Amino acid sequence: SETASERIAQQEAQLDRTLEELQRLAHGLHPRVLSEAGLAGAISSLAEQAPVAVEVLVPVPGLPADVAAVAYFVCSEAFANIAKHAGASRVSVSVTTGDGRARVAIEDDGRGGADPAHGTGLSGLADRVEALGGTLEIESPVGTGTRLAVELPLGDETL
């Protein structure tokens, strides 16, 4: 029969495998535009396709690839949600770094009321952000727009 420490060791190994799979998933979904244009260029190209005016402040070069990919997907999903639901006329997106973290903030002047519990897009984003050890916050009071804030650790490659 197994001892408790053998069971714990098996569970730890399973957790490690699960984390590796999540990281591979986060790494594997890397859009070509990111490799070609960098994060600022990739977000600018998303902004050009958005049906509203988007102000892009992304002066951050050289983020780790997995962090850049998640930041890109956050912007992509946010822009899609804004186009579909917000009725916004203006959006701003900024990416900043400091204290070993990258921060992505997206704000719109739409109708608000975004609810991550309804709809797979925002919950899928939360999963990706959490897979990298980050946090996602959404403030969306009805009638005053939505603010989406993501923080992602930069790992060893601190800026």
C-alpha atoms as a PDB file:
ATOM      1  CA  SER A   1       0.000   0.000   0.000  1.00  0.00           C
ATOM      2  CA  GLU A   2       1.106   3.567  -0.750  1.00  0.00           C
ATOM      3  CA  THR A   3       2.397   5.800   1.975  1.00  0.00           C
ATOM      4  CA  ALA A   4       1.094   9.318   2.320  1.00  0.00           C
ATOM      5  CA  SER A   5       4.396  10.765   1.093  1.00  0.00           C
ATOM      6  CA  GLU A   6       4.239   8.592  -2.069  1.00  0.00           C
ATOM      7  CA  ARG A   7       0.713   9.876  -2.773  1.00  0.00           C
ATOM      8  CA  ILE A   8       1.830  13.462  -2.231  1.00  0.00           C
ATOM      9  CA  ALA A   9       4.795  12.933  -4.580  1.00  0.00           C
ATOM     10  CA  GLN A  10       2.424  11.545  -7.250  1.00  0.00           C
ATOM     11  CA  GLN A  11       0.066  14.502  -6.849  1.00  0.00           C
ATOM     12  CA  GLU A  12       2.967  16.960  -7.090  1.00  0.00           C
ATOM     13  CA  ALA A  13       4.164  15.273 -10.285  1.00  0.00           C
ATOM     14  CA  GLN A  14       0.635  15.512 -11.730  1.00  0.00           C
ATOM     15  CA  LEU A  15       0.461  19.208 -10.834  1.00  0.00           C
ATOM     16  CA  ASP A  16       3.826  19.805 -12.525  1.00  0.00           C
ATOM     17  CA  ARG A  17       2.582  18.056 -15.680  1.00  0.00           C
ATOM     18  CA  THR A  18      -0.598  20.148 -15.685  1.00  0.00           C
ATOM     19  CA  LEU A  19       1.374  23.395 -15.297  1.00  0.00           C
ATOM     20  CA  GLU A  20       3.710  22.375 -18.121  1.00  0.00           C
ATOM     21  CA  GLU A  21       0.701  21.694 -20.368  1.00  0.00           C
ATOM     22  CA  LEU A  22      -0.789  25.113 -19.550  1.00  0.00           C
ATOM     23  CA  GLN A  23       2.519  26.837 -20.294  1.00  0.00           C
ATOM     24  CA  ARG A  24       2.864  24.942 -23.572  1.00  0.00           C
ATOM     25  CA  LEU A  25      -0.659  26.063 -24.474  1.00  0.00           C
ATOM     26  CA  ALA A  26       0.183  29.693 -23.661  1.00  0.00           C
ATOM     27  CA  HIS A  27       3.393  29.434 -25.722  1.00  0.00           C
ATOM     28  CA  GLY A  28       1.852  27.547 -28.622  1.00  0.00           C
ATOM     29  CA  LEU A  29      -0.743  30.147 -29.452  1.00  0.00           C
ATOM     30  CA  HIS A  30       1.625  32.796 -30.764  1.00  0.00           C
ATOM     31  CA  PRO A  31       0.220  34.895 -33.610  1.00  0.00           C
ATOM     32  CA  ARG A  32       2.571  35.562 -36.523  1.00  0.00           C
ATOM     33  CA  VAL A  33       1.941  39.322 -36.407  1.00  0.00           C
ATOM     34  CA  LEU A  34       3.606  39.362 -32.973  1.00  0.00           C
ATOM     35  CA  SER A  35       6.804  37.800 -34.309  1.00  0.00           C
ATOM     36  CA  GLU A  36       6.805  40.124 -37.292  1.00  0.00           C
ATOM     37  CA  ALA A  37       5.709  43.446 -35.801  1.00  0.00           C
ATOM     38  CA  GLY A  38       6.310  43.097 -32.061  1.00  0.00           C
ATOM     39  CA  LEU A  39       3.624  43.783 -29.470  1.00  0.00           C
ATOM     40  CA  ALA A  40       3.194  47.486 -30.304  1.00  0.00           C
ATOM     41  CA  GLY A  41       2.801  46.735 -34.021  1.00  0.00           C
ATOM     42  CA  ALA A  42       0.461  43.808 -33.390  1.00  0.00           C
ATOM     43  CA  ILE A  43      -1.798  45.874 -31.109  1.00  0.00           C
ATOM     44  CA  SER A  44      -1.719  48.769 -33.593  1.00  0.00           C
ATOM     45  CA  SER A  45      -2.886  46.413 -36.343  1.00  0.00           C
ATOM     46  CA  LEU A  46      -5.730  45.203 -34.076  1.00  0.00           C
ATOM     47  CA  ALA A  47      -6.607  48.845 -33.388  1.00  0.00           C
ATOM     48  CA  GLU A  48      -6.768  49.649 -37.109  1.00  0.00           C
ATOM     49  CA  GLN A  49      -9.381  46.901 -37.551  1.00  0.00           C
ATOM     50  CA  ALA A  50     -11.464  48.021 -34.568  1.00  0.00           C
ATOM     51  CA  PRO A  51     -14.716  49.842 -35.402  1.00  0.00           C
ATOM     52  CA  VAL A  52     -13.924  52.593 -32.858  1.00  0.00           C
ATOM     53  CA  ALA A  53     -11.051  55.026 -32.345  1.00  0.00           C
ATOM     54  CA  VAL A  54      -8.284  53.313 -30.358  1.00  0.00           C
ATOM     55  CA  GLU A  55      -5.455  55.157 -28.660  1.00  0.00           C
ATOM     56  CA  VAL A  56      -2.462  52.801 -28.338  1.00  0.00           C
ATOM     57  CA  LEU A  57       0.315  53.462 -25.813  1.00  0.00           C
ATOM     58  CA  VAL A  58       2.660  50.490 -26.027  1.00  0.00           C
ATOM     59  CA  PRO A  59       6.223  51.752 -25.672  1.00  0.00           C
ATOM     60  CA  VAL A  60       7.417  48.457 -24.186  1.00  0.00           C
ATOM     61  CA  PRO A  61       9.964  46.568 -26.280  1.00  0.00           C
ATOM     62  CA  GLY A  62      11.165  43.042 -25.750  1.00  0.00           C
ATOM     63  CA  LEU A  63       8.616  41.403 -23.494  1.00  0.00           C
ATOM     64  CA  PRO A  64       9.023  37.635 -23.045  1.00  0.00           C
ATOM     65  CA  ALA A  65       7.141  35.864 -25.868  1.00  0.00           C
ATOM     66  CA  ASP A  66       4.522  34.254 -23.618  1.00  0.00           C
ATOM     67  CA  VAL A  67       3.760  37.556 -21.877  1.00  0.00           C
ATOM     68  CA  ALA A  68       3.521  39.391 -25.214  1.00  0.00           C
ATOM     69  CA  ALA A  69       1.195  36.692 -26.577  1.00  0.00           C
ATOM     70  CA  VAL A  70      -1.172  36.938 -23.606  1.00  0.00           C
ATOM     71  CA  ALA A  71      -1.115  40.764 -23.759  1.00  0.00           C
ATOM     72  CA  TYR A  72      -1.999  40.524 -27.464  1.00  0.00           C
ATOM     73  CA  PHE A  73      -4.892  38.097 -26.826  1.00  0.00           C
ATOM     74  CA  VAL A  74      -6.200  40.304 -24.008  1.00  0.00           C
ATOM     75  CA  CYS A  75      -6.324  43.258 -26.440  1.00  0.00           C
ATOM     76  CA  SER A  76      -7.824  41.152 -29.211  1.00  0.00           C
ATOM     77  CA  GLU A  77     -10.615  39.805 -26.995  1.00  0.00           C
ATOM     78  CA  ALA A  78     -11.256  43.204 -25.423  1.00  0.00           C
ATOM     79  CA  PHE A  79     -11.550  44.890 -28.820  1.00  0.00           C
ATOM     80  CA  ALA A  80     -13.937  42.156 -30.005  1.00  0.00           C
ATOM     81  CA  ASN A  81     -16.098  42.608 -26.899  1.00  0.00           C
ATOM     82  CA  ILE A  82     -16.072  46.382 -27.249  1.00  0.00           C
ATOM     83  CA  ALA A  83     -17.136  46.105 -30.903  1.00  0.00           C
ATOM     84  CA  LYS A  84     -19.932  43.638 -30.088  1.00  0.00           C
ATOM     85  CA  HIS A  85     -21.305  44.943 -26.808  1.00  0.00           C
ATOM     86  CA  ALA A  86     -19.977  48.275 -25.579  1.00  0.00           C
ATOM     87  CA  GLY A  87     -21.327  50.847 -28.022  1.00  0.00           C
ATOM     88  CA  ALA A  88     -18.136  52.776 -27.280  1.00  0.00           C
ATOM     89  CA  SER A  89     -16.794  55.703 -29.286  1.00  0.00           C
ATOM     90  CA  ARG A  90     -13.305  55.647 -27.808  1.00  0.00           C
ATOM     91  CA  VAL A  91     -10.891  53.038 -26.450  1.00  0.00           C
ATOM     92  CA  SER A  92      -7.434  53.391 -24.964  1.00  0.00           C
ATOM     93  CA  VAL A  93      -4.937  50.579 -24.481  1.00  0.00           C
ATOM     94  CA  SER A  94      -1.637  50.880 -22.655  1.00  0.00           C
ATOM     95  CA  VAL A  95       1.101  48.396 -21.828  1.00  0.00           C
ATOM     96  CA  THR A  96       3.616  49.354 -19.145  1.00  0.00           C
ATOM     97  CA  THR A  97       6.229  47.515 -17.110  1.00  0.00           C
ATOM     98  CA  GLY A  98       7.661  47.928 -13.647  1.00  0.00           C
ATOM     99  CA  ASP A  99       8.407  45.901 -10.530  1.00  0.00           C
ATOM    100  CA  GLY A 100       8.981  42.811 -12.643  1.00  0.00           C
ATOM    101  CA  ARG A 101       5.454  42.911 -14.058  1.00  0.00           C
ATOM    102  CA  ALA A 102       3.810  43.906 -17.318  1.00  0.00           C
ATOM    103  CA  ARG A 103       0.500  45.737 -17.047  1.00  0.00           C
ATOM    104  CA  VAL A 104      -2.104  45.945 -19.787  1.00  0.00           C
ATOM    105  CA  ALA A 105      -4.961  48.420 -19.311  1.00  0.00           C
ATOM    106  CA  ILE A 106      -7.845  48.787 -21.739  1.00  0.00           C
ATOM    107  CA  GLU A 107     -10.559  51.376 -21.152  1.00  0.00           C
ATOM    108  CA  ASP A 108     -13.619  52.267 -23.191  1.00  0.00           C
ATOM    109  CA  ASP A 109     -16.395  54.837 -22.866  1.00  0.00           C
ATOM    110  CA  GLY A 110     -19.165  52.379 -23.698  1.00  0.00           C
ATOM    111  CA  ARG A 111     -22.218  51.248 -21.812  1.00  0.00           C
ATOM    112  CA  GLY A 112     -20.417  49.063 -19.229  1.00  0.00           C
ATOM    113  CA  GLY A 113     -21.983  46.053 -17.569  1.00  0.00           C
ATOM    114  CA  ALA A 114     -19.395  43.513 -18.810  1.00  0.00           C
ATOM    115  CA  ASP A 115     -19.712  40.292 -16.829  1.00  0.00           C
ATOM    116  CA  PRO A 116     -16.938  37.682 -17.032  1.00  0.00           C
ATOM    117  CA  ALA A 117     -19.366  35.050 -15.706  1.00  0.00           C
ATOM    118  CA  HIS A 118     -21.391  35.336 -18.934  1.00  0.00           C
ATOM    119  CA  GLY A 119     -19.464  34.587 -22.085  1.00  0.00           C
ATOM    120  CA  THR A 120     -16.467  32.428 -22.717  1.00  0.00           C
ATOM    121  CA  GLY A 121     -14.156  35.127 -24.071  1.00  0.00           C
ATOM    122  CA  LEU A 122     -13.402  36.826 -20.776  1.00  0.00           C
ATOM    123  CA  SER A 123     -13.185  33.594 -18.799  1.00  0.00           C
ATOM    124  CA  GLY A 124     -10.844  32.136 -21.437  1.00  0.00           C
ATOM    125  CA  LEU A 125      -8.669  35.225 -21.054  1.00  0.00           C
ATOM    126  CA  ALA A 126      -8.646  34.840 -17.288  1.00  0.00           C
ATOM    127  CA  ASP A 127      -7.426  31.247 -17.734  1.00  0.00           C
ATOM    128  CA  ARG A 128      -4.568  32.367 -19.989  1.00  0.00           C
ATOM    129  CA  VAL A 129      -3.560  35.177 -17.646  1.00  0.00           C
ATOM    130  CA  GLU A 130      -3.658  32.872 -14.615  1.00  0.00           C
ATOM    131  CA  ALA A 131      -1.614  30.213 -16.456  1.00  0.00           C
ATOM    132  CA  LEU A 132       1.246  32.726 -16.439  1.00  0.00           C
ATOM    133  CA  GLY A 133       0.689  33.628 -12.789  1.00  0.00           C
ATOM    134  CA  GLY A 134      -1.032  36.932 -13.620  1.00  0.00           C
ATOM    135  CA  THR A 135      -4.224  38.669 -12.573  1.00  0.00           C
ATOM    136  CA  LEU A 136      -7.151  40.076 -14.539  1.00  0.00           C
ATOM    137  CA  GLU A 137      -9.548  42.669 -13.163  1.00  0.00           C
ATOM    138  CA  ILE A 138     -12.629  44.064 -14.838  1.00  0.00           C
ATOM    139  CA  GLU A 139     -14.433  47.188 -13.681  1.00  0.00           C
ATOM    140  CA  SER A 140     -17.568  47.750 -15.680  1.00  0.00           C
ATOM    141  CA  PRO A 141     -20.230  49.776 -13.916  1.00  0.00           C
ATOM    142  CA  VAL A 142     -23.326  50.079 -16.069  1.00  0.00           C
ATOM    143  CA  GLY A 143     -23.376  53.323 -17.999  1.00  0.00           C
ATOM    144  CA  THR A 144     -19.757  54.376 -17.478  1.00  0.00           C
ATOM    145  CA  GLY A 145     -17.607  52.148 -19.673  1.00  0.00           C
ATOM    146  CA  THR A 146     -15.313  49.262 -18.930  1.00  0.00           C
ATOM    147  CA  ARG A 147     -11.761  49.054 -17.638  1.00  0.00           C
ATOM    148  CA  LEU A 148      -9.876  45.810 -18.046  1.00  0.00           C
ATOM    149  CA  ALA A 149      -6.553  45.547 -16.196  1.00  0.00           C
ATOM    150  CA  VAL A 150      -4.124  42.659 -16.525  1.00  0.00           C
ATOM    151  CA  GLU A 151      -0.869  42.142 -14.651  1.00  0.00           C
ATOM    152  CA  LEU A 152       1.609  39.494 -15.790  1.00  0.00           C
ATOM    153  CA  PRO A 153       4.865  38.568 -14.068  1.00  0.00           C
ATOM    154  CA  LEU A 154       7.892  38.944 -16.312  1.00  0.00           C
ATOM    155  CA  GLY A 155       9.697  35.991 -14.732  1.00  0.00           C
ATOM    156  CA  ASP A 156      13.481  36.190 -14.779  1.00  0.00           C
ATOM    157  CA  GLU A 157      13.517  38.618 -17.684  1.00  0.00           C
ATOM    158  CA  THR A 158      12.765  41.682 -15.593  1.00  0.00           C
ATOM    159  CA  LEU A 159      12.652  45.043 -17.312  1.00  0.00           C
END
